[in-house]
Amino acid sequence: MITHDVDEAIYLADRIVLMTNGPEAVVAEIVDNPLPRDRRRLDIHKQPDFYAVRNHLIDFLVERSKTFKGNLPPGYDRRTPPVVRPAAPPPLRLSETVPA
């Protein structure tokens, strides 16, 4: 399936293929969607990793896709693009945010 809707990709796909821009587009990376397979459209945004995945996709589309070809990651091979799995950072404990 091909879509240009980030939320739809997160909702429907277990793996999301990110491509660079233009007629010479290449696969930049494959995002492994960590959200549980039993996804519901009404509450998918409540999943702990939803915004980590969404922010990763948006960052690629808005920023990294424009300069990807000029800034290839070390060891990048277009035949085997990297697979990434964005995840939410662990929650901060109160003692980490408020001075004692």
PDB file of N, CA and C in Angstrom:
ATOM      1  N   MET A   1       0.834  -1.174   0.000  1.00  0.00           N
ATOM      2  CA  MET A   1       0.000   0.000   0.000  1.00  0.00           C
ATOM      3  C   MET A   1       0.882   1.242   0.000  1.00  0.00           C
ATOM      4  N   ILE A   2       0.488   2.234  -0.737  1.00  0.00           N
ATOM      5  CA  ILE A   2       1.203   3.510  -0.762  1.00  0.00           C
ATOM      6  C   ILE A   2       0.270   4.574  -0.199  1.00  0.00           C
ATOM      7  N   THR A   3       0.813   5.405   0.684  1.00  0.00           N
ATOM      8  CA  THR A   3       0.026   6.510   1.231  1.00  0.00           C
ATOM      9  C   THR A   3       0.954   7.687   1.495  1.00  0.00           C
ATOM     10  N   HIS A   4       0.380   8.865   1.473  1.00  0.00           N
ATOM     11  CA  HIS A   4       1.113  10.071   1.851  1.00  0.00           C
ATOM     12  C   HIS A   4       0.591  10.610   3.178  1.00  0.00           C
ATOM     13  N   ASP A   5      -0.248   9.837   3.843  1.00  0.00           N
ATOM     14  CA  ASP A   5      -0.846  10.226   5.114  1.00  0.00           C
ATOM     15  C   ASP A   5      -0.098   9.514   6.242  1.00  0.00           C
ATOM     16  N   VAL A   6       0.606  10.267   7.043  1.00  0.00           N
ATOM     17  CA  VAL A   6       1.439   9.702   8.101  1.00  0.00           C
ATOM     18  C   VAL A   6       0.606   8.895   9.096  1.00  0.00           C
ATOM     19  N   ASP A   7      -0.506   9.440   9.546  1.00  0.00           N
ATOM     20  CA  ASP A   7      -1.335   8.730  10.524  1.00  0.00           C
ATOM     21  C   ASP A   7      -1.905   7.436   9.941  1.00  0.00           C
ATOM     22  N   GLU A   8      -2.282   7.467   8.669  1.00  0.00           N
ATOM     23  CA  GLU A   8      -2.788   6.260   8.019  1.00  0.00           C
ATOM     24  C   GLU A   8      -1.701   5.190   7.942  1.00  0.00           C
ATOM     25  N   ALA A   9      -0.491   5.590   7.638  1.00  0.00           N
ATOM     26  CA  ALA A   9       0.620   4.637   7.583  1.00  0.00           C
ATOM     27  C   ALA A   9       0.839   3.983   8.944  1.00  0.00           C
ATOM     28  N   ILE A  10       0.814   4.787   9.999  1.00  0.00           N
ATOM     29  CA  ILE A  10       1.012   4.244  11.352  1.00  0.00           C
ATOM     30  C   ILE A  10      -0.130   3.298  11.715  1.00  0.00           C
ATOM     31  N   TYR A  11      -1.336   3.651  11.335  1.00  0.00           N
ATOM     32  CA  TYR A  11      -2.512   2.852  11.661  1.00  0.00           C
ATOM     33  C   TYR A  11      -2.517   1.505  10.930  1.00  0.00           C
ATOM     34  N   LEU A  12      -2.128   1.510   9.645  1.00  0.00           N
ATOM     35  CA  LEU A  12      -2.291   0.313   8.827  1.00  0.00           C
ATOM     36  C   LEU A  12      -1.048  -0.561   8.682  1.00  0.00           C
ATOM     37  N   ALA A  13       0.128   0.022   8.800  1.00  0.00           N
ATOM     38  CA  ALA A  13       1.340  -0.720   8.435  1.00  0.00           C
ATOM     39  C   ALA A  13       2.136  -1.213   9.638  1.00  0.00           C
ATOM     40  N   ASP A  14       2.730  -2.374   9.469  1.00  0.00           N
ATOM     41  CA  ASP A  14       3.678  -2.881  10.461  1.00  0.00           C
ATOM     42  C   ASP A  14       5.082  -2.369  10.162  1.00  0.00           C
ATOM     43  N   ARG A  15       5.332  -2.070   8.882  1.00  0.00           N
ATOM     44  CA  ARG A  15       6.616  -1.492   8.466  1.00  0.00           C
ATOM     45  C   ARG A  15       6.315  -0.343   7.511  1.00  0.00           C
ATOM     46  N   ILE A  16       7.009   0.765   7.686  1.00  0.00           N
ATOM     47  CA  ILE A  16       6.784   1.963   6.878  1.00  0.00           C
ATOM     48  C   ILE A  16       8.081   2.280   6.151  1.00  0.00           C
ATOM     49  N   VAL A  17       8.013   2.327   4.825  1.00  0.00           N
ATOM     50  CA  VAL A  17       9.192   2.574   4.002  1.00  0.00           C
ATOM     51  C   VAL A  17       9.274   4.065   3.703  1.00  0.00           C
ATOM     52  N   LEU A  18      10.370   4.683   4.112  1.00  0.00           N
ATOM     53  CA  LEU A  18      10.580   6.111   3.868  1.00  0.00           C
ATOM     54  C   LEU A  18      11.498   6.270   2.665  1.00  0.00           C
ATOM     55  N   MET A  19      11.050   7.098   1.717  1.00  0.00           N
ATOM     56  CA  MET A  19      11.817   7.316   0.492  1.00  0.00           C
ATOM     57  C   MET A  19      12.245   8.767   0.375  1.00  0.00           C
ATOM     58  N   THR A  20      13.330   8.974  -0.346  1.00  0.00           N
ATOM     59  CA  THR A  20      13.799  10.332  -0.605  1.00  0.00           C
ATOM     60  C   THR A  20      12.904  10.977  -1.656  1.00  0.00           C
ATOM     61  N   ASN A  21      13.135  12.252  -1.917  1.00  0.00           N
ATOM     62  CA  ASN A  21      12.324  13.010  -2.866  1.00  0.00           C
ATOM     63  C   ASN A  21      12.797  12.820  -4.300  1.00  0.00           C
ATOM     64  N   GLY A  22      11.897  13.077  -5.237  1.00  0.00           N
ATOM     65  CA  GLY A  22      12.264  13.226  -6.632  1.00  0.00           C
ATOM     66  C   GLY A  22      12.249  11.966  -7.470  1.00  0.00           C
ATOM     67  N   PRO A  23      12.543  12.159  -8.771  1.00  0.00           N
ATOM     68  CA  PRO A  23      12.495  11.040  -9.714  1.00  0.00           C
ATOM     69  C   PRO A  23      13.577   9.985  -9.465  1.00  0.00           C
ATOM     70  N   GLU A  24      14.634  10.336  -8.771  1.00  0.00           N
ATOM     71  CA  GLU A  24      15.691   9.369  -8.454  1.00  0.00           C
ATOM     72  C   GLU A  24      15.587   8.924  -6.994  1.00  0.00           C
ATOM     73  N   ALA A  25      14.367   8.828  -6.501  1.00  0.00           N
ATOM     74  CA  ALA A  25      14.136   8.482  -5.096  1.00  0.00           C
ATOM     75  C   ALA A  25      14.695   7.105  -4.768  1.00  0.00           C
ATOM     76  N   VAL A  26      15.206   6.990  -3.557  1.00  0.00           N
ATOM     77  CA  VAL A  26      15.681   5.705  -3.038  1.00  0.00           C
ATOM     78  C   VAL A  26      15.046   5.478  -1.670  1.00  0.00           C
ATOM     79  N   VAL A  27      15.042   4.233  -1.252  1.00  0.00           N
ATOM     80  CA  VAL A  27      14.554   3.916   0.086  1.00  0.00           C
ATOM     81  C   VAL A  27      15.607   4.374   1.080  1.00  0.00           C
ATOM     82  N   ALA A  28      15.227   5.269   1.965  1.00  0.00           N
ATOM     83  CA  ALA A  28      16.162   5.807   2.953  1.00  0.00           C
ATOM     84  C   ALA A  28      16.232   4.912   4.179  1.00  0.00           C
ATOM     85  N   GLU A  29      15.072   4.487   4.661  1.00  0.00           N
ATOM     86  CA  GLU A  29      15.032   3.605   5.824  1.00  0.00           C
ATOM     87  C   GLU A  29      13.667   2.957   5.915  1.00  0.00           C
ATOM     88  N   ILE A  30      13.611   1.916   6.694  1.00  0.00           N
ATOM     89  CA  ILE A  30      12.359   1.217   6.955  1.00  0.00           C
ATOM     90  C   ILE A  30      12.075   1.361   8.445  1.00  0.00           C
ATOM     91  N   VAL A  31      10.891   1.859   8.752  1.00  0.00           N
ATOM     92  CA  VAL A  31      10.506   2.070  10.144  1.00  0.00           C
ATOM     93  C   VAL A  31       9.643   0.893  10.589  1.00  0.00           C
ATOM     94  N   ASP A  32      10.110   0.193  11.598  1.00  0.00           N
ATOM     95  CA  ASP A  32       9.371  -0.912  12.189  1.00  0.00           C
ATOM     96  C   ASP A  32       8.367  -0.311  13.170  1.00  0.00           C
ATOM     97  N   ASN A  33       7.087  -0.489  12.901  1.00  0.00           N
ATOM     98  CA  ASN A  33       6.036   0.102  13.725  1.00  0.00           C
ATOM     99  C   ASN A  33       5.849  -0.737  14.998  1.00  0.00           C
ATOM    100  N   PRO A  34       6.186  -0.189  16.173  1.00  0.00           N
ATOM    101  CA  PRO A  34       6.111  -0.965  17.411  1.00  0.00           C
ATOM    102  C   PRO A  34       4.717  -1.032  18.041  1.00  0.00           C
ATOM    103  N   LEU A  35       3.736  -0.367  17.444  1.00  0.00           N
ATOM    104  CA  LEU A  35       2.402  -0.359  18.053  1.00  0.00           C
ATOM    105  C   LEU A  35       1.750  -1.730  17.931  1.00  0.00           C
ATOM    106  N   PRO A  36       0.988  -2.143  18.939  1.00  0.00           N
ATOM    107  CA  PRO A  36       0.333  -3.451  18.892  1.00  0.00           C
ATOM    108  C   PRO A  36      -0.539  -3.582  17.649  1.00  0.00           C
ATOM    109  N   ARG A  37      -0.595  -4.759  17.095  1.00  0.00           N
ATOM    110  CA  ARG A  37      -1.302  -4.985  15.831  1.00  0.00           C
ATOM    111  C   ARG A  37      -2.801  -4.729  15.926  1.00  0.00           C
ATOM    112  N   ASP A  38      -3.390  -4.892  17.048  1.00  0.00           N
ATOM    113  CA  ASP A  38      -4.822  -4.631  17.192  1.00  0.00           C
ATOM    114  C   ASP A  38      -5.027  -3.129  17.383  1.00  0.00           C
ATOM    115  N   ARG A  39      -4.825  -2.369  16.300  1.00  0.00           N
ATOM    116  CA  ARG A  39      -4.901  -0.900  16.384  1.00  0.00           C
ATOM    117  C   ARG A  39      -6.323  -0.429  16.121  1.00  0.00           C
ATOM    118  N   ARG A  40      -6.749   0.538  16.905  1.00  0.00           N
ATOM    119  CA  ARG A  40      -8.062   1.149  16.705  1.00  0.00           C
ATOM    120  C   ARG A  40      -7.861   2.618  16.379  1.00  0.00           C
ATOM    121  N   ARG A  41      -8.490   3.068  15.312  1.00  0.00           N
ATOM    122  CA  ARG A  41      -8.318   4.443  14.835  1.00  0.00           C
ATOM    123  C   ARG A  41      -8.646   5.476  15.914  1.00  0.00           C
ATOM    124  N   LEU A  42      -9.656   5.200  16.722  1.00  0.00           N
ATOM    125  CA  LEU A  42     -10.107   6.184  17.709  1.00  0.00           C
ATOM    126  C   LEU A  42      -9.137   6.396  18.857  1.00  0.00           C
ATOM    127  N   ASP A  43      -8.326   5.387  19.175  1.00  0.00           N
ATOM    128  CA  ASP A  43      -7.447   5.554  20.334  1.00  0.00           C
ATOM    129  C   ASP A  43      -5.982   5.232  20.056  1.00  0.00           C
ATOM    130  N   ILE A  44      -5.611   5.134  18.790  1.00  0.00           N
ATOM    131  CA  ILE A  44      -4.214   4.825  18.471  1.00  0.00           C
ATOM    132  C   ILE A  44      -3.264   5.891  19.021  1.00  0.00           C
ATOM    133  N   HIS A  45      -3.727   7.126  19.076  1.00  0.00           N
ATOM    134  CA  HIS A  45      -2.874   8.215  19.575  1.00  0.00           C
ATOM    135  C   HIS A  45      -2.577   8.092  21.074  1.00  0.00           C
ATOM    136  N   LYS A  46      -3.272   7.194  21.755  1.00  0.00           N
ATOM    137  CA  LYS A  46      -3.024   6.980  23.185  1.00  0.00           C
ATOM    138  C   LYS A  46      -1.939   5.932  23.442  1.00  0.00           C
ATOM    139  N   GLN A  47      -1.502   5.250  22.393  1.00  0.00           N
ATOM    140  CA  GLN A  47      -0.441   4.252  22.545  1.00  0.00           C
ATOM    141  C   GLN A  47       0.860   4.953  22.924  1.00  0.00           C
ATOM    142  N   PRO A  48       1.636   4.390  23.850  1.00  0.00           N
ATOM    143  CA  PRO A  48       2.852   5.060  24.334  1.00  0.00           C
ATOM    144  C   PRO A  48       3.853   5.432  23.238  1.00  0.00           C
ATOM    145  N   ASP A  49       3.986   4.612  22.197  1.00  0.00           N
ATOM    146  CA  ASP A  49       4.994   4.883  21.165  1.00  0.00           C
ATOM    147  C   ASP A  49       4.456   5.650  19.959  1.00  0.00           C
ATOM    148  N   PHE A  50       3.167   5.979  19.950  1.00  0.00           N
ATOM    149  CA  PHE A  50       2.571   6.626  18.776  1.00  0.00           C
ATOM    150  C   PHE A  50       3.319   7.893  18.371  1.00  0.00           C
ATOM    151  N   TYR A  51       3.537   8.796  19.308  1.00  0.00           N
ATOM    152  CA  TYR A  51       4.156  10.072  18.948  1.00  0.00           C
ATOM    153  C   TYR A  51       5.640   9.931  18.633  1.00  0.00           C
ATOM    154  N   ALA A  52       6.296   8.934  19.191  1.00  0.00           N
ATOM    155  CA  ALA A  52       7.697   8.690  18.825  1.00  0.00           C
ATOM    156  C   ALA A  52       7.780   8.289  17.355  1.00  0.00           C
ATOM    157  N   VAL A  53       6.890   7.404  16.926  1.00  0.00           N
ATOM    158  CA  VAL A  53       6.864   6.981  15.522  1.00  0.00           C
ATOM    159  C   VAL A  53       6.457   8.151  14.637  1.00  0.00           C
ATOM    160  N   ARG A  54       5.390   8.837  15.013  1.00  0.00           N
ATOM    161  CA  ARG A  54       4.884   9.948  14.192  1.00  0.00           C
ATOM    162  C   ARG A  54       5.936  11.050  14.055  1.00  0.00           C
ATOM    163  N   ASN A  55       6.573  11.423  15.151  1.00  0.00           N
ATOM    164  CA  ASN A  55       7.596  12.466  15.095  1.00  0.00           C
ATOM    165  C   ASN A  55       8.777  12.041  14.235  1.00  0.00           C
ATOM    166  N   HIS A  56       9.152  10.769  14.295  1.00  0.00           N
ATOM    167  CA  HIS A  56      10.247  10.266  13.468  1.00  0.00           C
ATOM    168  C   HIS A  56       9.888  10.393  11.982  1.00  0.00           C
ATOM    169  N   LEU A  57       8.665  10.008  11.620  1.00  0.00           N
ATOM    170  CA  LEU A  57       8.228  10.094  10.224  1.00  0.00           C
ATOM    171  C   LEU A  57       8.162  11.544   9.757  1.00  0.00           C
ATOM    172  N   ILE A  58       7.565  12.401  10.559  1.00  0.00           N
ATOM    173  CA  ILE A  58       7.445  13.815  10.190  1.00  0.00           C
ATOM    174  C   ILE A  58       8.824  14.450  10.060  1.00  0.00           C
ATOM    175  N   ASP A  59       9.726  14.159  10.980  1.00  0.00           N
ATOM    176  CA  ASP A  59      11.080  14.702  10.905  1.00  0.00           C
ATOM    177  C   ASP A  59      11.751  14.294   9.601  1.00  0.00           C
ATOM    178  N   PHE A  60      11.571  13.050   9.199  1.00  0.00           N
ATOM    179  CA  PHE A  60      12.161  12.618   7.932  1.00  0.00           C
ATOM    180  C   PHE A  60      11.545  13.386   6.768  1.00  0.00           C
ATOM    181  N   LEU A  61      10.228  13.462   6.720  1.00  0.00           N
ATOM    182  CA  LEU A  61       9.555  14.112   5.594  1.00  0.00           C
ATOM    183  C   LEU A  61       9.868  15.599   5.501  1.00  0.00           C
ATOM    184  N   VAL A  62       9.947  16.272   6.636  1.00  0.00           N
ATOM    185  CA  VAL A  62      10.143  17.722   6.648  1.00  0.00           C
ATOM    186  C   VAL A  62      11.620  18.107   6.552  1.00  0.00           C
ATOM    187  N   GLU A  63      12.485  17.348   7.193  1.00  0.00           N
ATOM    188  CA  GLU A  63      13.897  17.735   7.282  1.00  0.00           C
ATOM    189  C   GLU A  63      14.843  16.790   6.549  1.00  0.00           C
ATOM    190  N   ARG A  64      14.944  15.563   7.043  1.00  0.00           N
ATOM    191  CA  ARG A  64      16.006  14.663   6.588  1.00  0.00           C
ATOM    192  C   ARG A  64      15.887  14.232   5.135  1.00  0.00           C
ATOM    193  N   SER A  65      14.667  14.137   4.586  1.00  0.00           N
ATOM    194  CA  SER A  65      14.512  13.682   3.202  1.00  0.00           C
ATOM    195  C   SER A  65      15.143  14.652   2.209  1.00  0.00           C
ATOM    196  N   LYS A  66      15.192  15.917   2.554  1.00  0.00           N
ATOM    197  CA  LYS A  66      15.733  16.937   1.645  1.00  0.00           C
ATOM    198  C   LYS A  66      17.238  16.825   1.477  1.00  0.00           C
ATOM    199  N   THR A  67      17.914  16.369   2.501  1.00  0.00           N
ATOM    200  CA  THR A  67      19.380  16.334   2.464  1.00  0.00           C
ATOM    201  C   THR A  67      19.935  14.916   2.562  1.00  0.00           C
ATOM    202  N   PHE A  68      19.067  13.919   2.495  1.00  0.00           N
ATOM    203  CA  PHE A  68      19.497  12.542   2.734  1.00  0.00           C
ATOM    204  C   PHE A  68      20.615  12.107   1.791  1.00  0.00           C
ATOM    205  N   LYS A  69      20.445  12.341   0.493  1.00  0.00           N
ATOM    206  CA  LYS A  69      21.437  11.865  -0.483  1.00  0.00           C
ATOM    207  C   LYS A  69      22.802  12.504  -0.268  1.00  0.00           C
ATOM    208  N   GLY A  70      22.836  13.730   0.218  1.00  0.00           N
ATOM    209  CA  GLY A  70      24.106  14.402   0.464  1.00  0.00           C
ATOM    210  C   GLY A  70      24.722  14.062   1.808  1.00  0.00           C
ATOM    211  N   ASN A  71      23.944  13.465   2.691  1.00  0.00           N
ATOM    212  CA  ASN A  71      24.409  13.126   4.046  1.00  0.00           C
ATOM    213  C   ASN A  71      24.105  11.673   4.368  1.00  0.00           C
ATOM    214  N   LEU A  72      24.553  10.762   3.529  1.00  0.00           N
ATOM    215  CA  LEU A  72      24.260   9.347   3.753  1.00  0.00           C
ATOM    216  C   LEU A  72      24.862   8.875   5.067  1.00  0.00           C
ATOM    217  N   PRO A  73      24.098   8.107   5.831  1.00  0.00           N
ATOM    218  CA  PRO A  73      24.634   7.572   7.089  1.00  0.00           C
ATOM    219  C   PRO A  73      25.811   6.640   6.807  1.00  0.00           C
ATOM    220  N   PRO A  74      26.766   6.533   7.720  1.00  0.00           N
ATOM    221  CA  PRO A  74      27.896   5.625   7.519  1.00  0.00           C
ATOM    222  C   PRO A  74      27.408   4.195   7.278  1.00  0.00           C
ATOM    223  N   GLY A  75      27.957   3.559   6.259  1.00  0.00           N
ATOM    224  CA  GLY A  75      27.597   2.180   5.952  1.00  0.00           C
ATOM    225  C   GLY A  75      26.278   2.016   5.216  1.00  0.00           C
ATOM    226  N   TYR A  76      25.666   3.119   4.766  1.00  0.00           N
ATOM    227  CA  TYR A  76      24.379   3.025   4.071  1.00  0.00           C
ATOM    228  C   TYR A  76      24.542   2.257   2.764  1.00  0.00           C
ATOM    229  N   ASP A  77      23.639   1.310   2.531  1.00  0.00           N
ATOM    230  CA  ASP A  77      23.596   0.546   1.285  1.00  0.00           C
ATOM    231  C   ASP A  77      22.147   0.533   0.829  1.00  0.00           C
ATOM    232  N   ARG A  78      21.869   1.105  -0.324  1.00  0.00           N
ATOM    233  CA  ARG A  78      20.484   1.232  -0.773  1.00  0.00           C
ATOM    234  C   ARG A  78      19.801  -0.114  -0.987  1.00  0.00           C
ATOM    235  N   ARG A  79      20.575  -1.194  -1.135  1.00  0.00           N
ATOM    236  CA  ARG A  79      19.982  -2.525  -1.282  1.00  0.00           C
ATOM    237  C   ARG A  79      19.497  -3.081   0.049  1.00  0.00           C
ATOM    238  N   THR A  80      20.064  -2.583   1.128  1.00  0.00           N
ATOM    239  CA  THR A  80      19.660  -3.027   2.470  1.00  0.00           C
ATOM    240  C   THR A  80      19.542  -1.812   3.387  1.00  0.00           C
ATOM    241  N   PRO A  81      18.491  -1.000   3.187  1.00  0.00           N
ATOM    242  CA  PRO A  81      18.338   0.204   4.014  1.00  0.00           C
ATOM    243  C   PRO A  81      18.166  -0.167   5.481  1.00  0.00           C
ATOM    244  N   PRO A  82      18.570   0.736   6.361  1.00  0.00           N
ATOM    245  CA  PRO A  82      18.456   0.440   7.789  1.00  0.00           C
ATOM    246  C   PRO A  82      16.997   0.318   8.236  1.00  0.00           C
ATOM    247  N   VAL A  83      16.780  -0.546   9.199  1.00  0.00           N
ATOM    248  CA  VAL A  83      15.469  -0.690   9.829  1.00  0.00           C
ATOM    249  C   VAL A  83      15.573  -0.029  11.195  1.00  0.00           C
ATOM    250  N   VAL A  84      14.676   0.914  11.455  1.00  0.00           N
ATOM    251  CA  VAL A  84      14.693   1.627  12.733  1.00  0.00           C
ATOM    252  C   VAL A  84      13.384   1.364  13.473  1.00  0.00           C
ATOM    253  N   ARG A  85      13.439   1.471  14.775  1.00  0.00           N
ATOM    254  CA  ARG A  85      12.246   1.260  15.610  1.00  0.00           C
ATOM    255  C   ARG A  85      12.162   2.376  16.640  1.00  0.00           C
ATOM    256  N   PRO A  86      11.500   3.490  16.282  1.00  0.00           N
ATOM    257  CA  PRO A  86      11.354   4.590  17.238  1.00  0.00           C
ATOM    258  C   PRO A  86      10.534   4.137  18.446  1.00  0.00           C
ATOM    259  N   ALA A  87      10.914   4.638  19.592  1.00  0.00           N
ATOM    260  CA  ALA A  87      10.175   4.309  20.818  1.00  0.00           C
ATOM    261  C   ALA A  87      10.141   5.535  21.714  1.00  0.00           C
ATOM    262  N   ALA A  88       9.097   5.607  22.492  1.00  0.00           N
ATOM    263  CA  ALA A  88       8.968   6.718  23.440  1.00  0.00           C
ATOM    264  C   ALA A  88      10.060   6.598  24.496  1.00  0.00           C
ATOM    265  N   PRO A  89      10.609   7.723  24.932  1.00  0.00           N
ATOM    266  CA  PRO A  89      11.595   7.653  26.016  1.00  0.00           C
ATOM    267  C   PRO A  89      10.910   7.191  27.297  1.00  0.00           C
ATOM    268  N   PRO A  90      11.665   6.574  28.192  1.00  0.00           N
ATOM    269  CA  PRO A  90      11.036   6.157  29.453  1.00  0.00           C
ATOM    270  C   PRO A  90      10.553   7.377  30.222  1.00  0.00           C
ATOM    271  N   PRO A  91       9.455   7.235  30.948  1.00  0.00           N
ATOM    272  CA  PRO A  91       8.941   8.387  31.704  1.00  0.00           C
ATOM    273  C   PRO A  91       9.937   8.821  32.774  1.00  0.00           C
ATOM    274  N   LEU A  92       9.994  10.121  32.991  1.00  0.00           N
ATOM    275  CA  LEU A  92      10.863  10.650  34.044  1.00  0.00           C
ATOM    276  C   LEU A  92      10.227  10.404  35.400  1.00  0.00           C
ATOM    277  N   ARG A  93      11.058  10.106  36.365  1.00  0.00           N
ATOM    278  CA  ARG A  93      10.562  10.000  37.734  1.00  0.00           C
ATOM    279  C   ARG A  93      10.590  11.394  38.337  1.00  0.00           C
ATOM    280  N   LEU A  94       9.716  11.650  39.248  1.00  0.00           N
ATOM    281  CA  LEU A  94       9.613  12.968  39.865  1.00  0.00           C
ATOM    282  C   LEU A  94      10.953  13.416  40.432  1.00  0.00           C
ATOM    283  N   SER A  95      11.713  12.508  40.996  1.00  0.00           N
ATOM    284  CA  SER A  95      13.003  12.878  41.584  1.00  0.00           C
ATOM    285  C   SER A  95      14.001  13.351  40.528  1.00  0.00           C
ATOM    286  N   GLU A  96      13.760  13.018  39.241  1.00  0.00           N
ATOM    287  CA  GLU A  96      14.654  13.448  38.166  1.00  0.00           C
ATOM    288  C   GLU A  96      14.298  14.833  37.642  1.00  0.00           C
ATOM    289  N   THR A  97      13.118  15.318  37.967  1.00  0.00           N
ATOM    290  CA  THR A  97      12.671  16.591  37.416  1.00  0.00           C
ATOM    291  C   THR A  97      12.631  17.723  38.432  1.00  0.00           C
ATOM    292  N   VAL A  98      12.559  17.397  39.704  1.00  0.00           N
ATOM    293  CA  VAL A  98      12.444  18.418  40.743  1.00  0.00           C
ATOM    294  C   VAL A  98      13.659  18.320  41.665  1.00  0.00           C
ATOM    295  N   PRO A  99      14.382  19.425  41.858  1.00  0.00           N
ATOM    296  CA  PRO A  99      15.530  19.364  42.773  1.00  0.00           C
ATOM    297  C   PRO A  99      15.096  18.970  44.180  1.00  0.00           C
ATOM    298  N   ALA A 100      15.958  18.234  44.854  1.00  0.00           N
ATOM    299  CA  ALA A 100      15.637  17.768  46.213  1.00  0.00           C
ATOM    300  C   ALA A 100      15.737  18.894  47.215  1.00  0.00           C
TER     301      ALA A 100
END
